[in-house]
Amino acid sequence: MAWAGGIVGLVIVVALLAPWLAPYSPIAQNLRDVAQPPSVRHPLGTDQLGRDLLSRVIYGARTSLVIGAAVLAIAFTVGTAIGFAAGWFGRWVDETLMRAVDVLMAFPEILLAIAVVAALGPGLANTMVAVGVSSTPRFARLARAVVLSLREETYVEAARAAGAGEWRLLRHHVLPNSVSVLLVQATLLVAIAIQAAAGLGFLGLGAQPPRAEWGVMLVDSRTYISTAPWLLTAPGLALMVTVMAFNFLGDGLQDVLAVRIS
């Protein structure tokens, strides 16, 4: 968990300090240095338009983390609200909300994201919305399960017997005790969001050129895999290591916080 947290922290620092860390502009073209291998001037080489790969990978980290944060905000806010309402109020509220969630869960997340992007149009903002919508059901089901468990706890019954209202019970007793479970899921969701956004970018439905985004970089360089393999190596490794770090960090938090996600 320590190394995963260190890598996640490093990626966050790189993303925040991208304008100062990147040696060149991520979109500036130099046709005299097209597809150059790694060198002192360009440690990771240049792409097919002469753009510095190191600078584009650094700015790609910023794009990926923005996507992860936006997706997390959408899925966490909407999904947790739906799950809490369904689990706490039960009956027809639970049936209505969970049937809607079941409809969304009937589609694989990536296919649902593709459908949303196809309806809204390609672009970074629409990618965030699409992945956020497709990830909402996992938070809704998890939040509902947590609430169903917590509402039967003795301290909740005691607070209700003492005259606490429904909203007070939710705010002061249920929500604080569900944070650990939701935190683990949030960490795992960031990895899923980054990977899904890269997949949409690879299909041409995500971030659009010339924006530096790892999925876009992969699709732009796929025809050069035999002649200039460093074009795929840099963004591919950055994507793989970042996703793995968030996944391992989520697994570590799950063990530390003794959280069981079903």
C-alpha atoms as a PDB file:
ATOM      1  CA  MET A   1       0.000   0.000   0.000  1.00  0.00           C
ATOM      2  CA  ALA A   2       2.866   2.401   0.800  1.00  0.00           C
ATOM      3  CA  TRP A   3       4.366   2.219  -2.687  1.00  0.00           C
ATOM      4  CA  ALA A   4       0.921   2.603  -4.276  1.00  0.00           C
ATOM      5  CA  GLY A   5       0.237   5.671  -2.155  1.00  0.00           C
ATOM      6  CA  GLY A   6       3.641   7.039  -3.128  1.00  0.00           C
ATOM      7  CA  ILE A   7       2.939   6.606  -6.842  1.00  0.00           C
ATOM      8  CA  VAL A   8      -0.522   8.160  -6.514  1.00  0.00           C
ATOM      9  CA  GLY A   9       0.989  11.079  -4.616  1.00  0.00           C
ATOM     10  CA  LEU A  10       3.682  11.464  -7.290  1.00  0.00           C
ATOM     11  CA  VAL A  11       1.100  11.470 -10.082  1.00  0.00           C
ATOM     12  CA  ILE A  12      -0.927  14.119  -8.251  1.00  0.00           C
ATOM     13  CA  VAL A  13       2.160  16.303  -7.735  1.00  0.00           C
ATOM     14  CA  VAL A  14       3.168  15.905 -11.393  1.00  0.00           C
ATOM     15  CA  ALA A  15      -0.350  16.834 -12.519  1.00  0.00           C
ATOM     16  CA  LEU A  16      -0.465  19.917 -10.291  1.00  0.00           C
ATOM     17  CA  LEU A  17       3.004  21.099 -11.312  1.00  0.00           C
ATOM     18  CA  ALA A  18       2.720  20.193 -14.998  1.00  0.00           C
ATOM     19  CA  PRO A  19       3.358  23.746 -16.318  1.00  0.00           C
ATOM     20  CA  TRP A  20       6.604  23.901 -14.355  1.00  0.00           C
ATOM     21  CA  LEU A  21       7.767  20.302 -14.838  1.00  0.00           C
ATOM     22  CA  ALA A  22       7.114  19.924 -18.553  1.00  0.00           C
ATOM     23  CA  PRO A  23      10.179  21.026 -20.538  1.00  0.00           C
ATOM     24  CA  TYR A  24       8.108  21.918 -23.627  1.00  0.00           C
ATOM     25  CA  SER A  25       4.559  22.772 -24.580  1.00  0.00           C
ATOM     26  CA  PRO A  26       2.490  19.581 -24.930  1.00  0.00           C
ATOM     27  CA  ILE A  27       0.931  20.756 -28.208  1.00  0.00           C
ATOM     28  CA  ALA A  28       3.847  22.618 -29.827  1.00  0.00           C
ATOM     29  CA  GLN A  29       4.895  20.904 -33.063  1.00  0.00           C
ATOM     30  CA  ASN A  30       8.437  20.732 -34.400  1.00  0.00           C
ATOM     31  CA  LEU A  31       8.481  19.050 -37.786  1.00  0.00           C
ATOM     32  CA  ARG A  32      12.280  18.914 -37.751  1.00  0.00           C
ATOM     33  CA  ASP A  33      12.167  16.461 -34.822  1.00  0.00           C
ATOM     34  CA  VAL A  34       9.453  14.083 -36.002  1.00  0.00           C
ATOM     35  CA  ALA A  35       9.451  10.646 -34.295  1.00  0.00           C
ATOM     36  CA  GLN A  36      12.860  11.073 -32.696  1.00  0.00           C
ATOM     37  CA  PRO A  37      14.001   8.357 -30.243  1.00  0.00           C
ATOM     38  CA  PRO A  38      14.767   9.232 -26.610  1.00  0.00           C
ATOM     39  CA  SER A  39      17.661  11.645 -26.276  1.00  0.00           C
ATOM     40  CA  VAL A  40      19.083  14.251 -23.913  1.00  0.00           C
ATOM     41  CA  ARG A  41      16.839  16.953 -25.385  1.00  0.00           C
ATOM     42  CA  HIS A  42      13.776  14.687 -25.365  1.00  0.00           C
ATOM     43  CA  PRO A  43      14.148  12.023 -22.647  1.00  0.00           C
ATOM     44  CA  LEU A  44      11.108  10.069 -23.896  1.00  0.00           C
ATOM     45  CA  GLY A  45      11.493  10.984 -27.548  1.00  0.00           C
ATOM     46  CA  THR A  46       9.080  12.881 -29.780  1.00  0.00           C
ATOM     47  CA  ASP A  47       5.867  11.862 -31.501  1.00  0.00           C
ATOM     48  CA  GLN A  48       4.859  11.855 -35.167  1.00  0.00           C
ATOM     49  CA  LEU A  49       4.362  15.637 -35.091  1.00  0.00           C
ATOM     50  CA  GLY A  50       7.596  16.427 -33.282  1.00  0.00           C
ATOM     51  CA  ARG A  51       5.919  17.053 -29.918  1.00  0.00           C
ATOM     52  CA  ASP A  52       7.887  16.214 -26.788  1.00  0.00           C
ATOM     53  CA  LEU A  53       6.543  12.974 -25.313  1.00  0.00           C
ATOM     54  CA  LEU A  54       7.666  13.709 -21.762  1.00  0.00           C
ATOM     55  CA  SER A  55       5.681  16.952 -21.763  1.00  0.00           C
ATOM     56  CA  ARG A  56       2.619  15.220 -23.186  1.00  0.00           C
ATOM     57  CA  VAL A  57       2.816  12.397 -20.630  1.00  0.00           C
ATOM     58  CA  ILE A  58       3.066  14.952 -17.813  1.00  0.00           C
ATOM     59  CA  TYR A  59       0.074  16.912 -19.071  1.00  0.00           C
ATOM     60  CA  GLY A  60      -1.715  13.613 -19.700  1.00  0.00           C
ATOM     61  CA  ALA A  61      -1.491  12.936 -15.962  1.00  0.00           C
ATOM     62  CA  ARG A  62      -3.337  16.209 -15.340  1.00  0.00           C
ATOM     63  CA  THR A  63      -6.056  15.279 -17.833  1.00  0.00           C
ATOM     64  CA  SER A  64      -6.472  11.808 -16.343  1.00  0.00           C
ATOM     65  CA  LEU A  65      -6.752  13.098 -12.770  1.00  0.00           C
ATOM     66  CA  VAL A  66      -9.265  15.769 -13.805  1.00  0.00           C
ATOM     67  CA  ILE A  67     -11.337  13.037 -15.425  1.00  0.00           C
ATOM     68  CA  GLY A  68     -11.034  10.826 -12.329  1.00  0.00           C
ATOM     69  CA  ALA A  69     -12.051  13.666  -9.996  1.00  0.00           C
ATOM     70  CA  ALA A  70     -15.018  14.702 -12.156  1.00  0.00           C
ATOM     71  CA  VAL A  71     -16.261  11.135 -12.545  1.00  0.00           C
ATOM     72  CA  LEU A  72     -15.896  10.566  -8.815  1.00  0.00           C
ATOM     73  CA  ALA A  73     -17.860  13.730  -8.043  1.00  0.00           C
ATOM     74  CA  ILE A  74     -20.716  12.693 -10.336  1.00  0.00           C
ATOM     75  CA  ALA A  75     -20.876   9.030  -9.351  1.00  0.00           C
ATOM     76  CA  PHE A  76     -20.356   9.651  -5.635  1.00  0.00           C
ATOM     77  CA  THR A  77     -22.906  12.453  -5.333  1.00  0.00           C
ATOM     78  CA  VAL A  78     -25.671  10.938  -7.442  1.00  0.00           C
ATOM     79  CA  GLY A  79     -25.033   7.294  -6.555  1.00  0.00           C
ATOM     80  CA  THR A  80     -24.756   7.873  -2.810  1.00  0.00           C
ATOM     81  CA  ALA A  81     -27.925   9.987  -2.781  1.00  0.00           C
ATOM     82  CA  ILE A  82     -29.833   7.276  -4.640  1.00  0.00           C
ATOM     83  CA  GLY A  83     -28.466   4.489  -2.457  1.00  0.00           C
ATOM     84  CA  PHE A  84     -29.133   6.313   0.798  1.00  0.00           C
ATOM     85  CA  ALA A  85     -32.683   7.186  -0.213  1.00  0.00           C
ATOM     86  CA  ALA A  86     -33.422   3.629  -1.337  1.00  0.00           C
ATOM     87  CA  GLY A  87     -31.889   1.982   1.720  1.00  0.00           C
ATOM     88  CA  TRP A  88     -33.299   4.362   4.306  1.00  0.00           C
ATOM     89  CA  PHE A  89     -36.874   4.906   3.121  1.00  0.00           C
ATOM     90  CA  GLY A  90     -37.398   1.458   1.608  1.00  0.00           C
ATOM     91  CA  ARG A  91     -40.731   0.293   0.186  1.00  0.00           C
ATOM     92  CA  TRP A  92     -41.784   2.003  -3.058  1.00  0.00           C
ATOM     93  CA  VAL A  93     -38.819   4.386  -2.966  1.00  0.00           C
ATOM     94  CA  ASP A  94     -36.400   1.456  -2.834  1.00  0.00           C
ATOM     95  CA  GLU A  95     -38.237  -0.444  -5.560  1.00  0.00           C
ATOM     96  CA  THR A  96     -38.394   2.510  -7.943  1.00  0.00           C
ATOM     97  CA  LEU A  97     -34.791   3.626  -7.521  1.00  0.00           C
ATOM     98  CA  MET A  98     -33.261   0.167  -7.569  1.00  0.00           C
ATOM     99  CA  ARG A  99     -35.181  -0.883 -10.677  1.00  0.00           C
ATOM    100  CA  ALA A 100     -33.780   2.164 -12.445  1.00  0.00           C
ATOM    101  CA  VAL A 101     -30.299   1.227 -11.219  1.00  0.00           C
ATOM    102  CA  ASP A 102     -30.821  -2.351 -12.409  1.00  0.00           C
ATOM    103  CA  VAL A 103     -31.605  -1.069 -15.896  1.00  0.00           C
ATOM    104  CA  LEU A 104     -28.285   0.797 -15.966  1.00  0.00           C
ATOM    105  CA  MET A 105     -26.430  -2.203 -14.564  1.00  0.00           C
ATOM    106  CA  ALA A 106     -27.825  -4.408 -17.331  1.00  0.00           C
ATOM    107  CA  PHE A 107     -25.306  -2.777 -19.663  1.00  0.00           C
ATOM    108  CA  PRO A 108     -21.533  -3.167 -19.272  1.00  0.00           C
ATOM    109  CA  GLU A 109     -20.109   0.114 -18.014  1.00  0.00           C
ATOM    110  CA  ILE A 110     -17.953   0.770 -21.048  1.00  0.00           C
ATOM    111  CA  LEU A 111     -20.882   0.157 -23.434  1.00  0.00           C
ATOM    112  CA  LEU A 112     -23.091   2.463 -21.392  1.00  0.00           C
ATOM    113  CA  ALA A 113     -20.362   5.118 -21.460  1.00  0.00           C
ATOM    114  CA  ILE A 114     -20.013   4.720 -25.235  1.00  0.00           C
ATOM    115  CA  ALA A 115     -23.785   5.112 -25.640  1.00  0.00           C
ATOM    116  CA  VAL A 116     -23.819   8.296 -23.553  1.00  0.00           C
ATOM    117  CA  VAL A 117     -20.851   9.783 -25.448  1.00  0.00           C
ATOM    118  CA  ALA A 118     -22.491   8.837 -28.760  1.00  0.00           C
ATOM    119  CA  ALA A 119     -25.596  10.733 -27.668  1.00  0.00           C
ATOM    120  CA  LEU A 120     -23.762  13.776 -26.321  1.00  0.00           C
ATOM    121  CA  GLY A 121     -20.893  13.872 -28.801  1.00  0.00           C
ATOM    122  CA  PRO A 122     -17.152  13.261 -28.329  1.00  0.00           C
ATOM    123  CA  GLY A 123     -15.136  15.506 -26.052  1.00  0.00           C
ATOM    124  CA  LEU A 124     -13.524  15.647 -22.640  1.00  0.00           C
ATOM    125  CA  ALA A 125     -16.531  17.088 -20.782  1.00  0.00           C
ATOM    126  CA  ASN A 126     -18.914  14.543 -22.299  1.00  0.00           C
ATOM    127  CA  THR A 127     -16.457  11.762 -21.444  1.00  0.00           C
ATOM    128  CA  MET A 128     -16.584  12.799 -17.781  1.00  0.00           C
ATOM    129  CA  VAL A 129     -20.388  12.781 -17.836  1.00  0.00           C
ATOM    130  CA  ALA A 130     -20.533   9.440 -19.650  1.00  0.00           C
ATOM    131  CA  VAL A 131     -18.137   7.619 -17.324  1.00  0.00           C
ATOM    132  CA  GLY A 132     -19.771   9.285 -14.304  1.00  0.00           C
ATOM    133  CA  VAL A 133     -23.223   8.095 -15.345  1.00  0.00           C
ATOM    134  CA  SER A 134     -21.995   4.576 -16.087  1.00  0.00           C
ATOM    135  CA  SER A 135     -20.255   4.421 -12.676  1.00  0.00           C
ATOM    136  CA  THR A 136     -23.207   5.712 -10.653  1.00  0.00           C
ATOM    137  CA  PRO A 137     -24.910   2.306 -10.192  1.00  0.00           C
ATOM    138  CA  ARG A 138     -21.926   0.822  -8.301  1.00  0.00           C
ATOM    139  CA  PHE A 139     -22.109   3.624  -5.723  1.00  0.00           C
ATOM    140  CA  ALA A 140     -25.902   3.388  -5.516  1.00  0.00           C
ATOM    141  CA  ARG A 141     -25.872  -0.349  -4.773  1.00  0.00           C
ATOM    142  CA  LEU A 142     -23.009  -0.039  -2.308  1.00  0.00           C
ATOM    143  CA  ALA A 143     -24.568   2.904  -0.442  1.00  0.00           C
ATOM    144  CA  ARG A 144     -27.892   1.071  -0.238  1.00  0.00           C
ATOM    145  CA  ALA A 145     -26.253  -2.041   1.206  1.00  0.00           C
ATOM    146  CA  VAL A 146     -24.400   0.038   3.798  1.00  0.00           C
ATOM    147  CA  VAL A 147     -27.552   1.882   4.860  1.00  0.00           C
ATOM    148  CA  LEU A 148     -29.557  -1.338   5.137  1.00  0.00           C
ATOM    149  CA  SER A 149     -26.893  -2.650   7.495  1.00  0.00           C
ATOM    150  CA  LEU A 150     -26.438   0.498   9.574  1.00  0.00           C
ATOM    151  CA  ARG A 151     -30.088   1.375  10.088  1.00  0.00           C
ATOM    152  CA  GLU A 152     -30.517  -1.772  12.196  1.00  0.00           C
ATOM    153  CA  GLU A 153     -27.600  -0.928  14.506  1.00  0.00           C
ATOM    154  CA  THR A 154     -28.304  -0.404  18.200  1.00  0.00           C
ATOM    155  CA  TYR A 155     -26.985   3.163  18.296  1.00  0.00           C
ATOM    156  CA  VAL A 156     -29.352   4.148  15.469  1.00  0.00           C
ATOM    157  CA  GLU A 157     -32.301   2.624  17.298  1.00  0.00           C
ATOM    158  CA  ALA A 158     -31.234   4.397  20.491  1.00  0.00           C
ATOM    159  CA  ALA A 159     -31.005   7.751  18.726  1.00  0.00           C
ATOM    160  CA  ARG A 160     -34.414   7.215  17.156  1.00  0.00           C
ATOM    161  CA  ALA A 161     -35.891   6.337  20.564  1.00  0.00           C
ATOM    162  CA  ALA A 162     -34.361   9.552  21.933  1.00  0.00           C
ATOM    163  CA  GLY A 163     -36.365  11.546  19.401  1.00  0.00           C
ATOM    164  CA  ALA A 164     -33.837  12.095  16.589  1.00  0.00           C
ATOM    165  CA  GLY A 165     -35.442  12.819  13.234  1.00  0.00           C
ATOM    166  CA  GLU A 166     -34.786  10.897  10.035  1.00  0.00           C
ATOM    167  CA  TRP A 167     -32.404  13.476   8.548  1.00  0.00           C
ATOM    168  CA  ARG A 168     -30.492  13.791  11.799  1.00  0.00           C
ATOM    169  CA  LEU A 169     -30.057  10.031  11.935  1.00  0.00           C
ATOM    170  CA  LEU A 170     -28.743  10.016   8.388  1.00  0.00           C
ATOM    171  CA  ARG A 171     -26.358  12.956   8.857  1.00  0.00           C
ATOM    172  CA  HIS A 172     -24.965  12.142  12.292  1.00  0.00           C
ATOM    173  CA  HIS A 173     -25.117   8.351  12.527  1.00  0.00           C
ATOM    174  CA  VAL A 174     -25.405   6.649   9.150  1.00  0.00           C
ATOM    175  CA  LEU A 175     -23.269   8.849   6.880  1.00  0.00           C
ATOM    176  CA  PRO A 176     -20.192   9.091   9.194  1.00  0.00           C
ATOM    177  CA  ASN A 177     -20.147   5.322   9.656  1.00  0.00           C
ATOM    178  CA  SER A 178     -20.359   4.650   5.928  1.00  0.00           C
ATOM    179  CA  VAL A 179     -17.399   6.847   4.998  1.00  0.00           C
ATOM    180  CA  SER A 180     -14.785   4.082   5.173  1.00  0.00           C
ATOM    181  CA  VAL A 181     -16.654   1.826   2.727  1.00  0.00           C
ATOM    182  CA  LEU A 182     -17.361   4.678   0.328  1.00  0.00           C
ATOM    183  CA  LEU A 183     -13.733   5.871   0.531  1.00  0.00           C
ATOM    184  CA  VAL A 184     -12.416   2.508  -0.611  1.00  0.00           C
ATOM    185  CA  GLN A 185     -14.893   2.432  -3.495  1.00  0.00           C
ATOM    186  CA  ALA A 186     -13.979   6.012  -4.424  1.00  0.00           C
ATOM    187  CA  THR A 187     -10.294   5.096  -4.698  1.00  0.00           C
ATOM    188  CA  LEU A 188     -11.071   2.128  -6.916  1.00  0.00           C
ATOM    189  CA  LEU A 189     -13.423   4.227  -9.038  1.00  0.00           C
ATOM    190  CA  VAL A 190     -10.678   6.723  -9.911  1.00  0.00           C
ATOM    191  CA  ALA A 191      -8.677   3.872 -11.468  1.00  0.00           C
ATOM    192  CA  ILE A 192     -11.740   2.658 -13.364  1.00  0.00           C
ATOM    193  CA  ALA A 193     -12.505   6.189 -14.574  1.00  0.00           C
ATOM    194  CA  ILE A 194      -8.966   6.800 -15.837  1.00  0.00           C
ATOM    195  CA  GLN A 195      -8.960   3.471 -17.656  1.00  0.00           C
ATOM    196  CA  ALA A 196     -12.435   4.005 -19.149  1.00  0.00           C
ATOM    197  CA  ALA A 197     -11.584   7.540 -20.276  1.00  0.00           C
ATOM    198  CA  ALA A 198      -8.411   6.256 -21.938  1.00  0.00           C
ATOM    199  CA  GLY A 199     -10.474   3.584 -23.673  1.00  0.00           C
ATOM    200  CA  LEU A 200     -12.934   6.166 -24.975  1.00  0.00           C
ATOM    201  CA  GLY A 201     -10.019   8.321 -26.083  1.00  0.00           C
ATOM    202  CA  PHE A 202      -8.549   5.343 -27.935  1.00  0.00           C
ATOM    203  CA  LEU A 203     -11.884   4.896 -29.742  1.00  0.00           C
ATOM    204  CA  GLY A 204     -11.941   8.571 -30.678  1.00  0.00           C
ATOM    205  CA  LEU A 205     -14.885   9.336 -28.385  1.00  0.00           C
ATOM    206  CA  GLY A 206     -12.990  10.892 -25.487  1.00  0.00           C
ATOM    207  CA  ALA A 207     -10.595  13.811 -25.325  1.00  0.00           C
ATOM    208  CA  GLN A 208      -9.844  15.182 -28.763  1.00  0.00           C
ATOM    209  CA  PRO A 209      -6.477  16.104 -30.321  1.00  0.00           C
ATOM    210  CA  PRO A 210      -4.291  18.025 -29.735  1.00  0.00           C
ATOM    211  CA  ARG A 211      -5.074  17.641 -25.995  1.00  0.00           C
ATOM    212  CA  ALA A 212      -2.513  15.500 -24.209  1.00  0.00           C
ATOM    213  CA  GLU A 213      -4.390  12.445 -22.923  1.00  0.00           C
ATOM    214  CA  TRP A 214      -2.947   8.965 -22.608  1.00  0.00           C
ATOM    215  CA  GLY A 215      -5.678   7.220 -24.600  1.00  0.00           C
ATOM    216  CA  VAL A 216      -5.423   9.765 -27.412  1.00  0.00           C
ATOM    217  CA  MET A 217      -1.635   9.381 -27.425  1.00  0.00           C
ATOM    218  CA  LEU A 218      -1.986   5.620 -27.787  1.00  0.00           C
ATOM    219  CA  VAL A 219      -4.398   5.794 -30.706  1.00  0.00           C
ATOM    220  CA  ASP A 220      -2.304   8.459 -32.459  1.00  0.00           C
ATOM    221  CA  SER A 221       0.812   6.284 -32.283  1.00  0.00           C
ATOM    222  CA  ARG A 222      -0.593   2.806 -32.936  1.00  0.00           C
ATOM    223  CA  THR A 223       0.523   2.829 -36.575  1.00  0.00           C
ATOM    224  CA  TYR A 224       4.111   3.458 -35.464  1.00  0.00           C
ATOM    225  CA  ILE A 225       4.412   0.415 -33.190  1.00  0.00           C
ATOM    226  CA  SER A 226       7.093  -1.221 -35.360  1.00  0.00           C
ATOM    227  CA  THR A 227       9.033   1.879 -36.412  1.00  0.00           C
ATOM    228  CA  ALA A 228       8.790   4.051 -33.281  1.00  0.00           C
ATOM    229  CA  PRO A 229       7.748   1.862 -30.307  1.00  0.00           C
ATOM    230  CA  TRP A 230       8.584   4.581 -27.775  1.00  0.00           C
ATOM    231  CA  LEU A 231       5.454   6.454 -28.921  1.00  0.00           C
ATOM    232  CA  LEU A 232       3.282   3.798 -27.297  1.00  0.00           C
ATOM    233  CA  THR A 233       5.609   2.831 -24.462  1.00  0.00           C
ATOM    234  CA  ALA A 234       5.534   6.146 -22.603  1.00  0.00           C
ATOM    235  CA  PRO A 235       1.736   6.721 -22.405  1.00  0.00           C
ATOM    236  CA  GLY A 236       1.070   2.987 -22.051  1.00  0.00           C
ATOM    237  CA  LEU A 237       3.351   2.636 -19.046  1.00  0.00           C
ATOM    238  CA  ALA A 238       2.002   5.841 -17.476  1.00  0.00           C
ATOM    239  CA  LEU A 239      -1.568   4.566 -17.813  1.00  0.00           C
ATOM    240  CA  MET A 240      -0.751   1.079 -16.529  1.00  0.00           C
ATOM    241  CA  VAL A 241       1.252   2.239 -13.511  1.00  0.00           C
ATOM    242  CA  THR A 242      -1.327   4.873 -12.501  1.00  0.00           C
ATOM    243  CA  VAL A 243      -4.280   2.498 -12.741  1.00  0.00           C
ATOM    244  CA  MET A 244      -2.400  -0.217 -10.842  1.00  0.00           C
ATOM    245  CA  ALA A 245      -1.389   2.249  -8.120  1.00  0.00           C
ATOM    246  CA  PHE A 246      -4.970   3.385  -7.529  1.00  0.00           C
ATOM    247  CA  ASN A 247      -6.177  -0.225  -7.498  1.00  0.00           C
ATOM    248  CA  PHE A 248      -3.537  -1.343  -4.997  1.00  0.00           C
ATOM    249  CA  LEU A 249      -4.187   1.746  -2.877  1.00  0.00           C
ATOM    250  CA  GLY A 250      -7.879   0.882  -2.773  1.00  0.00           C
ATOM    251  CA  ASP A 251      -7.096  -2.723  -1.806  1.00  0.00           C
ATOM    252  CA  GLY A 252      -4.728  -1.484   0.901  1.00  0.00           C
ATOM    253  CA  LEU A 253      -7.318   0.896   2.317  1.00  0.00           C
ATOM    254  CA  GLN A 254      -9.826  -1.929   2.323  1.00  0.00           C
ATOM    255  CA  ASP A 255      -7.495  -4.035   4.465  1.00  0.00           C
ATOM    256  CA  VAL A 256      -6.498  -1.180   6.782  1.00  0.00           C
ATOM    257  CA  LEU A 257     -10.067  -0.008   7.350  1.00  0.00           C
ATOM    258  CA  ALA A 258     -11.339  -3.594   7.606  1.00  0.00           C
ATOM    259  CA  VAL A 259     -13.924  -2.876   4.943  1.00  0.00           C
ATOM    260  CA  ARG A 260     -15.840  -5.604   3.180  1.00  0.00           C
ATOM    261  CA  ILE A 261     -17.309  -4.632  -0.200  1.00  0.00           C
ATOM    262  CA  SER A 262     -19.851  -7.067  -1.559  1.00  0.00           C
END
